[in-house]
């Protein structure tokens, strides 16, 4: 049986990165369990919430943004 752990989720005041998918302002940053970081705009963060939760060790969400993966 495989047990999935939920990523650590922190709320931060403001993110300055751009979405790695489309270049829009990032609302969510992810530290991957395999190493490295990714940033997502609100649209892509919510669209890909299940995939993000599976591969993330840590998630930083911009204050005021409601992430579907929370």
PDB file of N, CA and C in Angstrom:
ATOM      1  N   UNK A   1       0.844  -1.181   0.000  1.00  0.00           N
ATOM      2  CA  UNK A   1       0.000   0.000   0.000  1.00  0.00           C
ATOM      3  C   UNK A   1       0.890   1.245   0.000  1.00  0.00           C
ATOM      4  N   UNK A   2       0.596   2.203  -0.892  1.00  0.00           N
ATOM      5  CA  UNK A   2       1.342   3.444  -0.978  1.00  0.00           C
ATOM      6  C   UNK A   2       0.609   4.529  -0.213  1.00  0.00           C
ATOM      7  N   UNK A   3       1.326   5.235   0.629  1.00  0.00           N
ATOM      8  CA  UNK A   3       0.740   6.339   1.386  1.00  0.00           C
ATOM      9  C   UNK A   3       1.233   7.653   0.802  1.00  0.00           C
ATOM     10  N   UNK A   4       0.303   8.516   0.437  1.00  0.00           N
ATOM     11  CA  UNK A   4       0.661   9.824  -0.086  1.00  0.00           C
ATOM     12  C   UNK A   4       0.628  10.843   1.035  1.00  0.00           C
ATOM     13  N   UNK A   5       1.661  11.629   1.136  1.00  0.00           N
ATOM     14  CA  UNK A   5       1.715  12.680   2.136  1.00  0.00           C
ATOM     15  C   UNK A   5       1.289  13.984   1.500  1.00  0.00           C
ATOM     16  N   UNK A   6       0.580  14.798   2.236  1.00  0.00           N
ATOM     17  CA  UNK A   6       0.184  16.106   1.745  1.00  0.00           C
ATOM     18  C   UNK A   6       1.378  17.042   1.832  1.00  0.00           C
ATOM     19  N   UNK A   7       1.504  17.921   0.840  1.00  0.00           N
ATOM     20  CA  UNK A   7       2.616  18.881   0.914  1.00  0.00           C
ATOM     21  C   UNK A   7       2.389  19.901   2.030  1.00  0.00           C
ATOM     22  N   UNK A   8       3.470  20.435   2.545  1.00  0.00           N
ATOM     23  CA  UNK A   8       3.397  21.545   3.499  1.00  0.00           C
ATOM     24  C   UNK A   8       2.890  22.764   2.731  1.00  0.00           C
ATOM     25  N   UNK A   9       1.896  23.457   3.269  1.00  0.00           N
ATOM     26  CA  UNK A   9       1.312  24.614   2.584  1.00  0.00           C
ATOM     27  C   UNK A   9       1.489  25.852   3.448  1.00  0.00           C
ATOM     28  N   UNK A  10       2.119  26.880   2.879  1.00  0.00           N
ATOM     29  CA  UNK A  10       2.328  28.157   3.560  1.00  0.00           C
ATOM     30  C   UNK A  10       1.651  29.266   2.769  1.00  0.00           C
ATOM     31  N   UNK A  11       1.141  30.261   3.476  1.00  0.00           N
ATOM     32  CA  UNK A  11       0.590  31.450   2.835  1.00  0.00           C
ATOM     33  C   UNK A  11       1.622  32.566   2.964  1.00  0.00           C
ATOM     34  N   UNK A  12       1.885  33.240   1.855  1.00  0.00           N
ATOM     35  CA  UNK A  12       2.857  34.336   1.844  1.00  0.00           C
ATOM     36  C   UNK A  12       2.175  35.606   1.351  1.00  0.00           C
ATOM     37  N   UNK A  13       2.722  36.747   1.723  1.00  0.00           N
ATOM     38  CA  UNK A  13       2.117  38.026   1.368  1.00  0.00           C
ATOM     39  C   UNK A  13       2.033  38.280  -0.122  1.00  0.00           C
ATOM     40  N   UNK A  14       3.140  38.069  -0.828  1.00  0.00           N
ATOM     41  CA  UNK A  14       3.158  38.351  -2.256  1.00  0.00           C
ATOM     42  C   UNK A  14       4.215  37.494  -2.922  1.00  0.00           C
ATOM     43  N   UNK A  15       3.903  37.000  -4.112  1.00  0.00           N
ATOM     44  CA  UNK A  15       4.859  36.250  -4.916  1.00  0.00           C
ATOM     45  C   UNK A  15       5.321  37.136  -6.066  1.00  0.00           C
ATOM     46  N   UNK A  16       6.581  37.031  -6.429  1.00  0.00           N
ATOM     47  CA  UNK A  16       7.112  37.879  -7.492  1.00  0.00           C
ATOM     48  C   UNK A  16       7.445  37.107  -8.764  1.00  0.00           C
ATOM     49  N   UNK A  17       7.370  35.771  -8.713  1.00  0.00           N
ATOM     50  CA  UNK A  17       7.670  34.961  -9.891  1.00  0.00           C
ATOM     51  C   UNK A  17       6.559  35.046 -10.924  1.00  0.00           C
ATOM     52  N   UNK A  18       6.845  34.501 -12.100  1.00  0.00           N
ATOM     53  CA  UNK A  18       5.874  34.407 -13.183  1.00  0.00           C
ATOM     54  C   UNK A  18       5.532  32.932 -13.388  1.00  0.00           C
ATOM     55  N   UNK A  19       4.345  32.662 -13.884  1.00  0.00           N
ATOM     56  CA  UNK A  19       3.889  31.294 -14.145  1.00  0.00           C
ATOM     57  C   UNK A  19       4.808  30.625 -15.159  1.00  0.00           C
ATOM     58  N   UNK A  20       5.251  29.423 -14.840  1.00  0.00           N
ATOM     59  CA  UNK A  20       6.112  28.668 -15.748  1.00  0.00           C
ATOM     60  C   UNK A  20       5.345  28.126 -16.955  1.00  0.00           C
ATOM     61  N   UNK A  21       4.027  28.167 -16.930  1.00  0.00           N
ATOM     62  CA  UNK A  21       3.216  27.696 -18.065  1.00  0.00           C
ATOM     63  C   UNK A  21       2.877  28.817 -19.041  1.00  0.00           C
ATOM     64  N   UNK A  22       2.536  30.010 -18.512  1.00  0.00           N
ATOM     65  CA  UNK A  22       2.032  31.058 -19.415  1.00  0.00           C
ATOM     66  C   UNK A  22       2.664  32.430 -19.210  1.00  0.00           C
ATOM     67  N   UNK A  23       3.426  32.624 -18.153  1.00  0.00           N
ATOM     68  CA  UNK A  23       4.087  33.898 -17.912  1.00  0.00           C
ATOM     69  C   UNK A  23       3.282  34.916 -17.115  1.00  0.00           C
ATOM     70  N   UNK A  24       2.056  34.568 -16.725  1.00  0.00           N
ATOM     71  CA  UNK A  24       1.246  35.473 -15.897  1.00  0.00           C
ATOM     72  C   UNK A  24       1.826  35.530 -14.480  1.00  0.00           C
ATOM     73  N   UNK A  25       1.366  36.484 -13.691  1.00  0.00           N
ATOM     74  CA  UNK A  25       1.828  36.611 -12.310  1.00  0.00           C
ATOM     75  C   UNK A  25       1.524  35.334 -11.529  1.00  0.00           C
ATOM     76  N   UNK A  26       2.526  34.839 -10.810  1.00  0.00           N
ATOM     77  CA  UNK A  26       2.362  33.610 -10.032  1.00  0.00           C
ATOM     78  C   UNK A  26       1.507  33.862  -8.797  1.00  0.00           C
ATOM     79  N   UNK A  27       0.647  32.917  -8.509  1.00  0.00           N
ATOM     80  CA  UNK A  27      -0.158  32.915  -7.288  1.00  0.00           C
ATOM     81  C   UNK A  27       0.221  31.759  -6.382  1.00  0.00           C
ATOM     82  N   UNK A  28       1.030  30.815  -6.925  1.00  0.00           N
ATOM     83  CA  UNK A  28       1.405  29.627  -6.187  1.00  0.00           C
ATOM     84  C   UNK A  28       2.798  29.191  -6.644  1.00  0.00           C
ATOM     85  N   UNK A  29       3.655  28.865  -5.681  1.00  0.00           N
ATOM     86  CA  UNK A  29       4.984  28.331  -5.963  1.00  0.00           C
ATOM     87  C   UNK A  29       5.096  26.964  -5.317  1.00  0.00           C
ATOM     88  N   UNK A  30       5.761  26.051  -6.011  1.00  0.00           N
ATOM     89  CA  UNK A  30       5.852  24.669  -5.576  1.00  0.00           C
ATOM     90  C   UNK A  30       7.315  24.244  -5.488  1.00  0.00           C
ATOM     91  N   UNK A  31       7.678  23.595  -4.388  1.00  0.00           N
ATOM     92  CA  UNK A  31       8.955  22.906  -4.295  1.00  0.00           C
ATOM     93  C   UNK A  31       8.652  21.436  -4.553  1.00  0.00           C
ATOM     94  N   UNK A  32       9.288  20.869  -5.576  1.00  0.00           N
ATOM     95  CA  UNK A  32       9.027  19.494  -5.972  1.00  0.00           C
ATOM     96  C   UNK A  32       9.762  18.508  -5.080  1.00  0.00           C
ATOM     97  N   UNK A  33       9.159  17.353  -4.838  1.00  0.00           N
ATOM     98  CA  UNK A  33       9.824  16.325  -4.038  1.00  0.00           C
ATOM     99  C   UNK A  33      11.084  15.829  -4.728  1.00  0.00           C
ATOM    100  N   UNK A  34      11.128  15.908  -6.061  1.00  0.00           N
ATOM    101  CA  UNK A  34      12.289  15.466  -6.821  1.00  0.00           C
ATOM    102  C   UNK A  34      13.362  16.548  -6.930  1.00  0.00           C
ATOM    103  N   UNK A  35      13.076  17.727  -6.401  1.00  0.00           N
ATOM    104  CA  UNK A  35      14.003  18.852  -6.461  1.00  0.00           C
ATOM    105  C   UNK A  35      13.554  19.876  -7.474  1.00  0.00           C
ATOM    106  N   UNK A  36      13.855  21.120  -7.220  1.00  0.00           N
ATOM    107  CA  UNK A  36      13.467  22.206  -8.106  1.00  0.00           C
ATOM    108  C   UNK A  36      12.186  22.877  -7.668  1.00  0.00           C
ATOM    109  N   UNK A  37      11.889  23.972  -8.323  1.00  0.00           N
ATOM    110  CA  UNK A  37      10.715  24.768  -8.000  1.00  0.00           C
ATOM    111  C   UNK A  37       9.958  25.101  -9.283  1.00  0.00           C
ATOM    112  N   UNK A  38       8.648  25.267  -9.148  1.00  0.00           N
ATOM    113  CA  UNK A  38       7.793  25.719 -10.240  1.00  0.00           C
ATOM    114  C   UNK A  38       6.867  26.792  -9.706  1.00  0.00           C
ATOM    115  N   UNK A  39       6.421  27.681 -10.597  1.00  0.00           N
ATOM    116  CA  UNK A  39       5.460  28.722 -10.226  1.00  0.00           C
ATOM    117  C   UNK A  39       4.267  28.624 -11.167  1.00  0.00           C
ATOM    118  N   UNK A  40       3.076  28.916 -10.635  1.00  0.00           N
ATOM    119  CA  UNK A  40       1.851  28.834 -11.417  1.00  0.00           C
ATOM    120  C   UNK A  40       0.969  30.045 -11.164  1.00  0.00           C
ATOM    121  N   UNK A  41       0.312  30.514 -12.219  1.00  0.00           N
ATOM    122  CA  UNK A  41      -0.716  31.546 -12.063  1.00  0.00           C
ATOM    123  C   UNK A  41      -1.936  30.880 -11.414  1.00  0.00           C
ATOM    124  N   UNK A  42      -2.931  31.652 -11.058  1.00  0.00           N
ATOM    125  CA  UNK A  42      -4.119  31.098 -10.432  1.00  0.00           C
ATOM    126  C   UNK A  42      -4.833  30.081 -11.300  1.00  0.00           C
ATOM    127  N   UNK A  43      -4.960  30.385 -12.584  1.00  0.00           N
ATOM    128  CA  UNK A  43      -5.640  29.479 -13.516  1.00  0.00           C
ATOM    129  C   UNK A  43      -4.946  28.120 -13.573  1.00  0.00           C
ATOM    130  N   UNK A  44      -3.649  28.113 -13.806  1.00  0.00           N
ATOM    131  CA  UNK A  44      -2.923  26.854 -13.934  1.00  0.00           C
ATOM    132  C   UNK A  44      -2.786  26.135 -12.589  1.00  0.00           C
ATOM    133  N   UNK A  45      -2.668  26.872 -11.505  1.00  0.00           N
ATOM    134  CA  UNK A  45      -2.582  26.248 -10.182  1.00  0.00           C
ATOM    135  C   UNK A  45      -3.856  25.470  -9.876  1.00  0.00           C
ATOM    136  N   UNK A  46      -5.006  26.049 -10.164  1.00  0.00           N
ATOM    137  CA  UNK A  46      -6.268  25.364  -9.891  1.00  0.00           C
ATOM    138  C   UNK A  46      -6.555  24.276 -10.913  1.00  0.00           C
ATOM    139  N   UNK A  47      -6.198  24.503 -12.153  1.00  0.00           N
ATOM    140  CA  UNK A  47      -6.422  23.507 -13.197  1.00  0.00           C
ATOM    141  C   UNK A  47      -5.594  22.246 -12.932  1.00  0.00           C
ATOM    142  N   UNK A  48      -4.408  22.415 -12.377  1.00  0.00           N
ATOM    143  CA  UNK A  48      -3.485  21.296 -12.163  1.00  0.00           C
ATOM    144  C   UNK A  48      -3.323  20.930 -10.689  1.00  0.00           C
ATOM    145  N   UNK A  49      -4.293  21.289  -9.851  1.00  0.00           N
ATOM    146  CA  UNK A  49      -4.149  21.120  -8.401  1.00  0.00           C
ATOM    147  C   UNK A  49      -3.848  19.690  -7.972  1.00  0.00           C
ATOM    148  N   UNK A  50      -4.462  18.700  -8.572  1.00  0.00           N
ATOM    149  CA  UNK A  50      -4.229  17.308  -8.164  1.00  0.00           C
ATOM    150  C   UNK A  50      -2.797  16.878  -8.494  1.00  0.00           C
ATOM    151  N   UNK A  51      -2.327  17.241  -9.676  1.00  0.00           N
ATOM    152  CA  UNK A  51      -0.967  16.896 -10.077  1.00  0.00           C
ATOM    153  C   UNK A  51       0.058  17.606  -9.194  1.00  0.00           C
ATOM    154  N   UNK A  52      -0.201  18.862  -8.885  1.00  0.00           N
ATOM    155  CA  UNK A  52       0.702  19.628  -8.019  1.00  0.00           C
ATOM    156  C   UNK A  52       0.795  18.976  -6.642  1.00  0.00           C
ATOM    157  N   UNK A  53      -0.334  18.618  -6.071  1.00  0.00           N
ATOM    158  CA  UNK A  53      -0.348  18.012  -4.737  1.00  0.00           C
ATOM    159  C   UNK A  53       0.414  16.690  -4.712  1.00  0.00           C
ATOM    160  N   UNK A  54       0.416  15.960  -5.823  1.00  0.00           N
ATOM    161  CA  UNK A  54       1.122  14.670  -5.880  1.00  0.00           C
ATOM    162  C   UNK A  54       2.641  14.820  -5.920  1.00  0.00           C
ATOM    163  N   UNK A  55       3.142  15.890  -6.517  1.00  0.00           N
ATOM    164  CA  UNK A  55       4.596  16.014  -6.728  1.00  0.00           C
ATOM    165  C   UNK A  55       5.261  17.057  -5.830  1.00  0.00           C
ATOM    166  N   UNK A  56       4.487  17.756  -5.016  1.00  0.00           N
ATOM    167  CA  UNK A  56       5.024  18.854  -4.212  1.00  0.00           C
ATOM    168  C   UNK A  56       5.407  18.405  -2.807  1.00  0.00           C
ATOM    169  N   UNK A  57       6.527  18.921  -2.337  1.00  0.00           N
ATOM    170  CA  UNK A  57       6.869  18.747  -0.922  1.00  0.00           C
ATOM    171  C   UNK A  57       6.457  19.990  -0.134  1.00  0.00           C
ATOM    172  N   UNK A  58       6.414  21.138  -0.829  1.00  0.00           N
ATOM    173  CA  UNK A  58       6.021  22.393  -0.194  1.00  0.00           C
ATOM    174  C   UNK A  58       5.302  23.260  -1.218  1.00  0.00           C
ATOM    175  N   UNK A  59       4.250  23.932  -0.761  1.00  0.00           N
ATOM    176  CA  UNK A  59       3.469  24.833  -1.615  1.00  0.00           C
ATOM    177  C   UNK A  59       3.375  26.179  -0.908  1.00  0.00           C
ATOM    178  N   UNK A  60       3.676  27.251  -1.637  1.00  0.00           N
ATOM    179  CA  UNK A  60       3.516  28.612  -1.120  1.00  0.00           C
ATOM    180  C   UNK A  60       2.392  29.275  -1.918  1.00  0.00           C
ATOM    181  N   UNK A  61       1.358  29.709  -1.216  1.00  0.00           N
ATOM    182  CA  UNK A  61       0.179  30.308  -1.836  1.00  0.00           C
ATOM    183  C   UNK A  61       0.135  31.790  -1.480  1.00  0.00           C
ATOM    184  N   UNK A  62      -0.077  32.630  -2.492  1.00  0.00           N
ATOM    185  CA  UNK A  62      -0.175  34.062  -2.246  1.00  0.00           C
ATOM    186  C   UNK A  62      -1.445  34.359  -1.438  1.00  0.00           C
ATOM    187  N   UNK A  63      -1.298  35.218  -0.442  1.00  0.00           N
ATOM    188  CA  UNK A  63      -2.420  35.614   0.411  1.00  0.00           C
ATOM    189  C   UNK A  63      -3.575  36.128  -0.457  1.00  0.00           C
ATOM    190  N   UNK A  64      -4.778  35.647  -0.173  1.00  0.00           N
ATOM    191  CA  UNK A  64      -5.961  36.061  -0.916  1.00  0.00           C
ATOM    192  C   UNK A  64      -6.319  35.137  -2.068  1.00  0.00           C
ATOM    193  N   UNK A  65      -5.374  34.281  -2.479  1.00  0.00           N
ATOM    194  CA  UNK A  65      -5.651  33.331  -3.568  1.00  0.00           C
ATOM    195  C   UNK A  65      -6.219  32.049  -2.973  1.00  0.00           C
ATOM    196  N   UNK A  66      -7.304  31.566  -3.541  1.00  0.00           N
ATOM    197  CA  UNK A  66      -7.935  30.338  -3.079  1.00  0.00           C
ATOM    198  C   UNK A  66      -7.518  29.211  -4.026  1.00  0.00           C
ATOM    199  N   UNK A  67      -6.684  28.306  -3.510  1.00  0.00           N
ATOM    200  CA  UNK A  67      -6.192  27.190  -4.311  1.00  0.00           C
ATOM    201  C   UNK A  67      -7.086  25.986  -4.139  1.00  0.00           C
ATOM    202  N   UNK A  68      -7.473  25.348  -5.244  1.00  0.00           N
ATOM    203  CA  UNK A  68      -8.356  24.179  -5.214  1.00  0.00           C
ATOM    204  C   UNK A  68      -7.716  22.988  -4.519  1.00  0.00           C
ATOM    205  N   UNK A  69      -6.392  22.973  -4.388  1.00  0.00           N
ATOM    206  CA  UNK A  69      -5.698  21.857  -3.756  1.00  0.00           C
ATOM    207  C   UNK A  69      -5.602  21.931  -2.248  1.00  0.00           C
ATOM    208  N   UNK A  70      -6.103  22.991  -1.659  1.00  0.00           N
ATOM    209  CA  UNK A  70      -6.006  23.204  -0.215  1.00  0.00           C
ATOM    210  C   UNK A  70      -7.065  22.437   0.526  1.00  0.00           C
TER     211      UNK A  70
END
